[in-house]
């Protein structure tokens, strides 16, 4: 698509996504897939998108599976972006069945740290990132859920955290470690001081989902709605154009984790999600019911949670190697 047409199409995509209150992350992801789709078919004008729409989508998705060998979830993401383009932006109903070659679905055993390895890594995570990682391991949060925590989401009396709009846009409640209370309260005292400074400077408003902003117009400046882990500086929201303090960037947490793992000398491929995997596995080791763990993690299907039982079956279905019986 030419330089004059492509931005027009993407501008329409962004405009409609914002009207429907999609996240900025989803907006960027969908726009990237649409650009790749247009480039793949070498389309030069918008009208060309309308010809044999299903066949075009099918060819692109098959290319992703066979040539680029993307994961099944990645192919599904591309499909969602293209369905949005045709149905919501172009107004074209997809009436024919799309018979694309499907990417292979694979279920990998997750990387899990032992308790001793957790003890080695945690103290080496520097700054505020250590507190974030403690939420990942202590409460089983995804990193996106941890950085989006609001002050009022933490219930000290019941030792629980309410995760708002987690994966699948679902709320859930998970456990909160009593050992974190002193460190967290000390951290929030500093965050409160920053918020007070922002308010004094004429800022202090935080992002809220559209429906909440309309229902509680004054909530954006209230302490309870502020992020537990705010960014160091104010920034302009690309969606609204307003200047406010967003939550800390996930990349900063990931960098701190990588540095800590390197210092600890571990050879495992550790990411932020590894601590969530370790949370579930260690609960299983302690005898926690699998359905309780499913609820804490926010899994829709028990099958997803069952993957952690495979982690515990060390040595292949829990079988001890016969070599271990030899006195060599």
Protein backbone atom coordinates (compact mmCIF):
# COMPACT_ATOMS: atom_id res chain seq x y z
CA UNK A 1 0.00 0.00 0.00
CA UNK A 2 1.35 3.44 -0.87
CA UNK A 3 2.57 5.88 1.72
CA UNK A 4 -0.56 8.03 1.22
CA UNK A 5 -3.03 5.16 1.58
CA UNK A 6 -1.47 3.07 4.33
CA UNK A 7 -1.57 5.77 7.04
CA UNK A 8 -5.22 6.47 6.17
CA UNK A 9 -6.15 2.83 6.70
CA UNK A 10 -4.20 2.60 9.94
CA UNK A 11 -5.66 5.88 11.15
CA UNK A 12 -9.12 4.37 10.66
CA UNK A 13 -8.05 1.26 12.57
CA UNK A 14 -6.71 3.36 15.46
CA UNK A 15 -9.76 5.63 15.53
CA UNK A 16 -12.21 2.73 15.74
CA UNK A 17 -10.11 0.85 18.29
CA UNK A 18 -10.04 3.92 20.49
CA UNK A 19 -13.78 4.40 20.15
CA UNK A 20 -14.17 0.82 21.37
CA UNK A 21 -11.60 1.41 24.16
CA UNK A 22 -9.04 -1.19 23.13
CA UNK A 23 -5.72 -0.98 24.97
CA UNK A 24 -2.78 0.81 23.38
CA UNK A 25 -0.85 -2.48 23.36
CA UNK A 26 -3.62 -4.22 21.39
CA UNK A 27 -3.87 -1.26 19.04
CA UNK A 28 -0.17 -1.42 18.21
CA UNK A 29 -0.27 -5.20 17.80
CA UNK A 30 -3.25 -5.13 15.44
CA UNK A 31 -1.77 -2.32 13.36
CA UNK A 32 1.46 -4.27 12.96
CA UNK A 33 -0.38 -7.38 11.73
CA UNK A 34 -2.43 -5.32 9.30
CA UNK A 35 0.74 -3.74 7.89
CA UNK A 36 2.28 -7.18 7.42
CA UNK A 37 -0.91 -8.43 5.76
CA UNK A 38 -0.95 -5.54 3.29
CA UNK A 39 2.75 -5.97 2.53
CA UNK A 40 2.37 -9.73 2.03
CA UNK A 41 -0.31 -9.24 -0.64
CA UNK A 42 1.41 -6.16 -2.13
CA UNK A 43 -1.80 -4.19 -2.06
CA UNK A 44 -1.67 -0.69 -3.45
CA UNK A 45 -5.17 0.57 -2.65
CA UNK A 46 -7.89 -0.03 -0.11
CA UNK A 47 -10.33 -1.42 -2.68
CA UNK A 48 -7.96 -4.34 -3.30
CA UNK A 49 -8.54 -5.49 0.29
CA UNK A 50 -12.18 -6.17 -0.51
CA UNK A 51 -11.57 -8.71 -3.28
CA UNK A 52 -11.69 -12.34 -2.07
CA UNK A 53 -11.20 -11.29 1.55
CA UNK A 54 -11.40 -14.79 2.99
CA UNK A 55 -8.89 -16.12 0.46
CA UNK A 56 -6.45 -13.34 1.30
CA UNK A 57 -6.73 -13.99 5.03
CA UNK A 58 -6.36 -17.73 4.49
CA UNK A 59 -3.20 -17.28 2.37
CA UNK A 60 -1.59 -14.98 4.93
CA UNK A 61 -2.36 -17.22 7.91
CA UNK A 62 -1.05 -20.26 6.03
CA UNK A 63 2.13 -18.34 5.24
CA UNK A 64 2.59 -17.60 8.94
CA UNK A 65 2.23 -21.30 9.77
CA UNK A 66 4.37 -22.78 6.99
CA UNK A 67 7.01 -20.18 6.18
CA UNK A 68 7.43 -18.27 9.41
CA UNK A 69 6.39 -21.20 11.61
CA UNK A 70 4.79 -18.97 14.22
CA UNK A 71 3.17 -20.39 17.32
CA UNK A 72 -0.52 -21.19 17.36
CA UNK A 73 -1.24 -18.26 19.71
CA UNK A 74 0.60 -15.88 17.38
CA UNK A 75 -1.39 -17.08 14.38
CA UNK A 76 -4.62 -16.61 16.36
CA UNK A 77 -3.56 -13.07 17.23
CA UNK A 78 -3.03 -12.27 13.54
CA UNK A 79 -6.44 -13.76 12.74
CA UNK A 80 -8.11 -11.56 15.35
CA UNK A 81 -6.44 -8.46 13.92
CA UNK A 82 -7.63 -9.23 10.39
CA UNK A 83 -11.16 -10.07 11.49
CA UNK A 84 -11.25 -6.71 13.27
CA UNK A 85 -9.99 -4.98 10.12
CA UNK A 86 -12.63 -6.46 7.85
CA UNK A 87 -15.63 -6.44 10.17
CA UNK A 88 -15.08 -3.28 12.21
CA UNK A 89 -13.06 -1.03 9.89
CA UNK A 90 -13.96 -2.07 6.36
CA UNK A 91 -17.48 -3.25 7.19
CA UNK A 92 -17.03 -6.46 5.22
CA UNK A 93 -18.71 -9.58 6.64
CA UNK A 94 -16.59 -12.71 6.36
CA UNK A 95 -19.10 -15.23 5.07
CA UNK A 96 -16.84 -17.99 3.76
CA UNK A 97 -15.01 -20.44 5.99
CA UNK A 98 -11.29 -19.68 6.35
CA UNK A 99 -9.38 -22.93 5.92
CA UNK A 100 -5.85 -21.79 6.67
CA UNK A 101 -3.07 -24.23 7.52
CA UNK A 102 -2.92 -24.15 11.29
CA UNK A 103 0.22 -23.63 13.32
CA UNK A 104 1.12 -26.55 15.52
CA UNK A 105 -0.01 -26.22 19.10
CA UNK A 106 2.68 -27.21 21.56
CA UNK A 107 2.62 -27.46 25.33
CA UNK A 108 6.01 -26.89 26.92
CA UNK A 109 6.86 -27.71 30.50
CA UNK A 110 7.42 -24.31 32.13
CA UNK A 111 10.74 -23.28 33.61
CA UNK A 112 10.47 -23.29 37.40
CA UNK A 113 12.93 -22.15 40.04
CA UNK A 114 13.50 -24.18 43.18
CA UNK A 115 13.03 -22.54 46.56
CA UNK A 116 16.81 -22.28 46.93
CA UNK A 117 17.09 -20.63 43.52
CA UNK A 118 14.37 -18.14 44.47
CA UNK A 119 16.42 -17.32 47.58
CA UNK A 120 19.46 -16.71 45.40
CA UNK A 121 17.72 -14.49 42.86
CA UNK A 122 15.33 -12.33 44.91
CA UNK A 123 17.94 -10.45 47.00
CA UNK A 124 19.83 -9.64 43.80
CA UNK A 125 16.89 -7.90 42.13
CA UNK A 126 17.55 -4.22 42.67
CA UNK A 127 15.26 -1.40 43.72
CA UNK A 128 11.50 -1.33 43.28
CA UNK A 129 11.79 -4.25 40.85
CA UNK A 130 12.41 -6.56 43.82
CA UNK A 131 9.03 -5.65 45.28
CA UNK A 132 7.36 -6.29 41.92
CA UNK A 133 9.03 -9.71 41.66
CA UNK A 134 7.84 -10.57 45.16
CA UNK A 135 4.29 -10.00 43.92
CA UNK A 136 4.99 -12.30 40.96
CA UNK A 137 6.25 -15.11 43.19
CA UNK A 138 4.27 -14.40 46.37
CA UNK A 139 0.89 -13.88 44.69
CA UNK A 140 1.26 -15.57 41.30
CA UNK A 141 0.67 -12.37 39.33
CA UNK A 142 1.50 -11.84 35.69
CA UNK A 143 3.94 -8.95 35.26
CA UNK A 144 1.25 -6.90 33.50
CA UNK A 145 -1.04 -7.42 36.50
CA UNK A 146 1.68 -6.47 38.99
CA UNK A 147 2.60 -3.15 37.38
CA UNK A 148 -1.08 -2.21 37.02
CA UNK A 149 -1.91 -2.76 40.71
CA UNK A 150 -3.75 0.13 42.36
CA UNK A 151 -3.31 1.10 46.00
CA UNK A 152 -6.88 0.06 46.88
CA UNK A 153 -6.41 -3.41 45.33
CA UNK A 154 -4.38 -4.55 48.34
CA UNK A 155 -6.34 -5.75 51.37
CA UNK A 156 -4.06 -5.95 54.41
CA UNK A 157 -6.74 -7.27 56.77
CA UNK A 158 -7.63 -10.29 54.63
CA UNK A 159 -4.11 -10.70 53.17
CA UNK A 160 -5.40 -10.68 49.62
CA UNK A 161 -5.02 -8.82 46.34
CA UNK A 162 -7.78 -8.07 43.87
CA UNK A 163 -6.53 -8.36 40.30
CA UNK A 164 -8.61 -6.10 38.07
CA UNK A 165 -9.21 -6.92 34.41
CA UNK A 166 -6.69 -9.75 34.24
CA UNK A 167 -6.33 -12.01 31.23
CA UNK A 168 -9.71 -12.40 29.57
CA UNK A 169 -10.76 -9.13 31.25
CA UNK A 170 -11.65 -11.02 34.42
CA UNK A 171 -11.24 -9.95 38.04
CA UNK A 172 -9.94 -12.40 40.65
CA UNK A 173 -8.62 -12.50 44.20
CA UNK A 174 -5.26 -14.00 45.12
CA UNK A 175 -3.12 -14.31 48.23
CA UNK A 176 -0.87 -11.59 49.63
CA UNK A 177 2.23 -12.35 51.69
CA UNK A 178 2.29 -10.94 55.21
CA UNK A 179 6.07 -10.74 54.94
CA UNK A 180 5.69 -8.03 52.29
CA UNK A 181 3.66 -5.63 54.43
CA UNK A 182 6.50 -3.55 55.99
CA UNK A 183 8.39 -3.20 52.72
CA UNK A 184 5.22 -2.36 50.77
CA UNK A 185 4.02 0.23 53.27
CA UNK A 186 7.42 1.91 53.24
CA UNK A 187 7.31 1.97 49.45
CA UNK A 188 3.79 3.42 49.38
CA UNK A 189 4.80 6.24 51.73
CA UNK A 190 7.26 7.35 49.04
CA UNK A 191 4.66 6.93 46.30
CA UNK A 192 2.18 9.01 48.31
CA UNK A 193 4.72 11.83 48.61
CA UNK A 194 5.22 11.78 44.83
CA UNK A 195 1.45 11.85 44.28
CA UNK A 196 1.07 14.81 46.63
CA UNK A 197 3.78 16.66 44.68
CA UNK A 198 1.99 15.92 41.41
CA UNK A 199 -1.27 17.24 42.82
CA UNK A 200 0.43 20.41 44.02
CA UNK A 201 1.86 20.91 40.53
CA UNK A 202 -1.57 20.59 38.93
CA UNK A 203 -1.24 16.96 37.88
CA UNK A 204 -1.92 13.78 39.87
CA UNK A 205 -4.61 12.29 37.61
CA UNK A 206 -4.18 8.62 36.76
CA UNK A 207 -5.56 6.59 33.87
CA UNK A 208 -8.88 4.89 34.51
CA UNK A 209 -10.93 2.72 32.14
CA UNK A 210 -13.48 4.79 30.22
CA UNK A 211 -16.55 3.55 32.11
CA UNK A 212 -14.99 4.30 35.51
CA UNK A 213 -13.96 7.79 34.43
CA UNK A 214 -17.57 8.57 33.55
CA UNK A 215 -18.97 6.96 36.70
CA UNK A 216 -16.40 8.45 39.11
CA UNK A 217 -15.12 11.69 37.53
CA UNK A 218 -13.12 12.69 40.63
CA UNK A 219 -11.51 9.29 41.17
CA UNK A 220 -8.59 9.98 38.83
CA UNK A 221 -6.84 12.06 41.53
CA UNK A 222 -7.80 9.98 44.56
CA UNK A 223 -5.02 8.11 46.37
CA UNK A 224 -6.75 4.71 46.24
CA UNK A 225 -6.78 4.69 42.43
CA UNK A 226 -3.07 5.48 42.04
CA UNK A 227 -0.64 2.86 40.77
CA UNK A 228 1.37 0.99 43.40
CA UNK A 229 4.33 1.12 41.02
CA UNK A 230 4.24 4.48 39.23
CA UNK A 231 6.72 5.57 36.59
CA UNK A 232 9.56 7.86 37.62
CA UNK A 233 8.34 10.74 35.49
CA UNK A 234 5.18 12.21 34.02
CA UNK A 235 4.44 11.49 30.37
CA UNK A 236 1.88 12.33 27.71
CA UNK A 237 -0.75 9.64 27.21
CA UNK A 238 -0.72 8.90 23.44
CA UNK A 239 -4.44 8.06 23.49
CA UNK A 240 -5.82 11.07 25.36
CA UNK A 241 -2.96 13.56 25.01
CA UNK A 242 -3.11 14.19 28.78
CA UNK A 243 0.01 14.49 30.91
CA UNK A 244 0.01 12.05 33.81
CA UNK A 245 2.06 9.43 35.63
CA UNK A 246 1.74 5.98 34.13
CA UNK A 247 2.79 2.73 35.82
CA UNK A 248 6.40 1.52 35.69
CA UNK A 249 7.48 -0.01 32.38
CA UNK A 250 7.62 -3.80 32.33
CA UNK A 251 10.95 -3.72 30.51
CA UNK A 252 12.65 -2.23 33.58
CA UNK A 253 11.48 -5.17 35.69
CA UNK A 254 12.61 -7.67 33.07
CA UNK A 255 16.08 -6.09 32.92
CA UNK A 256 16.43 -6.24 36.70
CA UNK A 257 15.43 -9.93 36.67
CA UNK A 258 17.96 -10.79 33.97
CA UNK A 259 20.72 -9.01 35.87
CA UNK A 260 19.85 -10.83 39.11
CA UNK A 261 19.78 -14.24 37.42
CA UNK A 262 23.14 -13.55 35.82
CA UNK A 263 24.65 -12.52 39.15
CA UNK A 264 23.25 -15.66 40.79
CA UNK A 265 24.97 -17.78 38.14
CA UNK A 266 21.83 -19.68 37.14
CA UNK A 267 21.72 -21.36 33.74
CA UNK A 268 17.92 -21.51 33.47
CA UNK A 269 16.04 -19.22 31.10
CA UNK A 270 14.29 -17.08 33.69
CA UNK A 271 11.66 -14.47 32.84
CA UNK A 272 9.10 -12.59 34.90
CA UNK A 273 6.61 -15.39 34.17
CA UNK A 274 8.99 -17.94 35.71
CA UNK A 275 8.10 -16.59 39.16
CA UNK A 276 4.39 -17.14 38.49
CA UNK A 277 5.18 -20.71 37.41
CA UNK A 278 7.25 -21.17 40.57
CA UNK A 279 4.38 -19.84 42.72
CA UNK A 280 2.01 -22.50 41.37
CA UNK A 281 4.53 -25.33 41.53
CA UNK A 282 5.59 -24.58 45.09
CA UNK A 283 1.94 -24.42 46.20
CA UNK A 284 1.42 -27.87 44.69
CA UNK A 285 4.47 -29.14 46.56
CA UNK A 286 2.93 -27.88 49.78
CA UNK A 287 -0.27 -29.82 49.05
CA UNK A 288 -2.52 -26.97 47.91
CA UNK A 289 -5.55 -28.20 45.97
CA UNK A 290 -5.17 -27.86 42.19
CA UNK A 291 -8.52 -26.07 41.83
CA UNK A 292 -7.51 -23.53 44.45
CA UNK A 293 -4.35 -22.84 42.46
CA UNK A 294 -6.45 -22.54 39.30
CA UNK A 295 -8.55 -19.83 40.99
CA UNK A 296 -5.50 -17.97 42.31
CA UNK A 297 -3.89 -17.95 38.86
CA UNK A 298 -7.10 -17.00 37.08
CA UNK A 299 -7.05 -19.93 34.64
CA UNK A 300 -10.32 -20.57 32.83
CA UNK A 301 -9.58 -24.24 32.28
CA UNK A 302 -8.22 -26.72 34.84
CA UNK A 303 -6.15 -28.28 32.05
CA UNK A 304 -4.02 -25.14 31.93
CA UNK A 305 -3.21 -25.43 35.63
CA UNK A 306 -2.51 -29.16 35.35
CA UNK A 307 0.75 -28.40 33.51
CA UNK A 308 2.34 -27.80 36.93
CA UNK A 309 1.72 -31.39 37.94
CA UNK A 310 4.10 -32.37 35.14
CA UNK A 311 6.77 -30.14 36.64
CA UNK A 312 6.56 -32.14 39.86
CA UNK A 313 6.96 -35.44 38.04
CA UNK A 314 10.72 -35.10 38.07
CA UNK A 315 12.74 -37.79 36.31
CA UNK A 316 9.99 -38.70 33.87
CA UNK A 317 6.55 -39.33 35.46
CA UNK A 318 8.18 -39.38 38.89
CA UNK A 319 10.20 -42.50 38.15
CA UNK A 320 13.63 -42.67 39.78
CA UNK A 321 16.39 -43.66 37.37
CA UNK A 322 17.79 -47.19 37.99
CA UNK A 323 21.26 -45.66 37.82
CA UNK A 324 20.54 -44.05 41.19
CA UNK A 325 20.34 -47.54 42.74
CA UNK A 326 23.90 -48.42 41.79
CA UNK A 327 26.66 -47.89 44.29
CA UNK A 328 29.23 -46.51 41.85
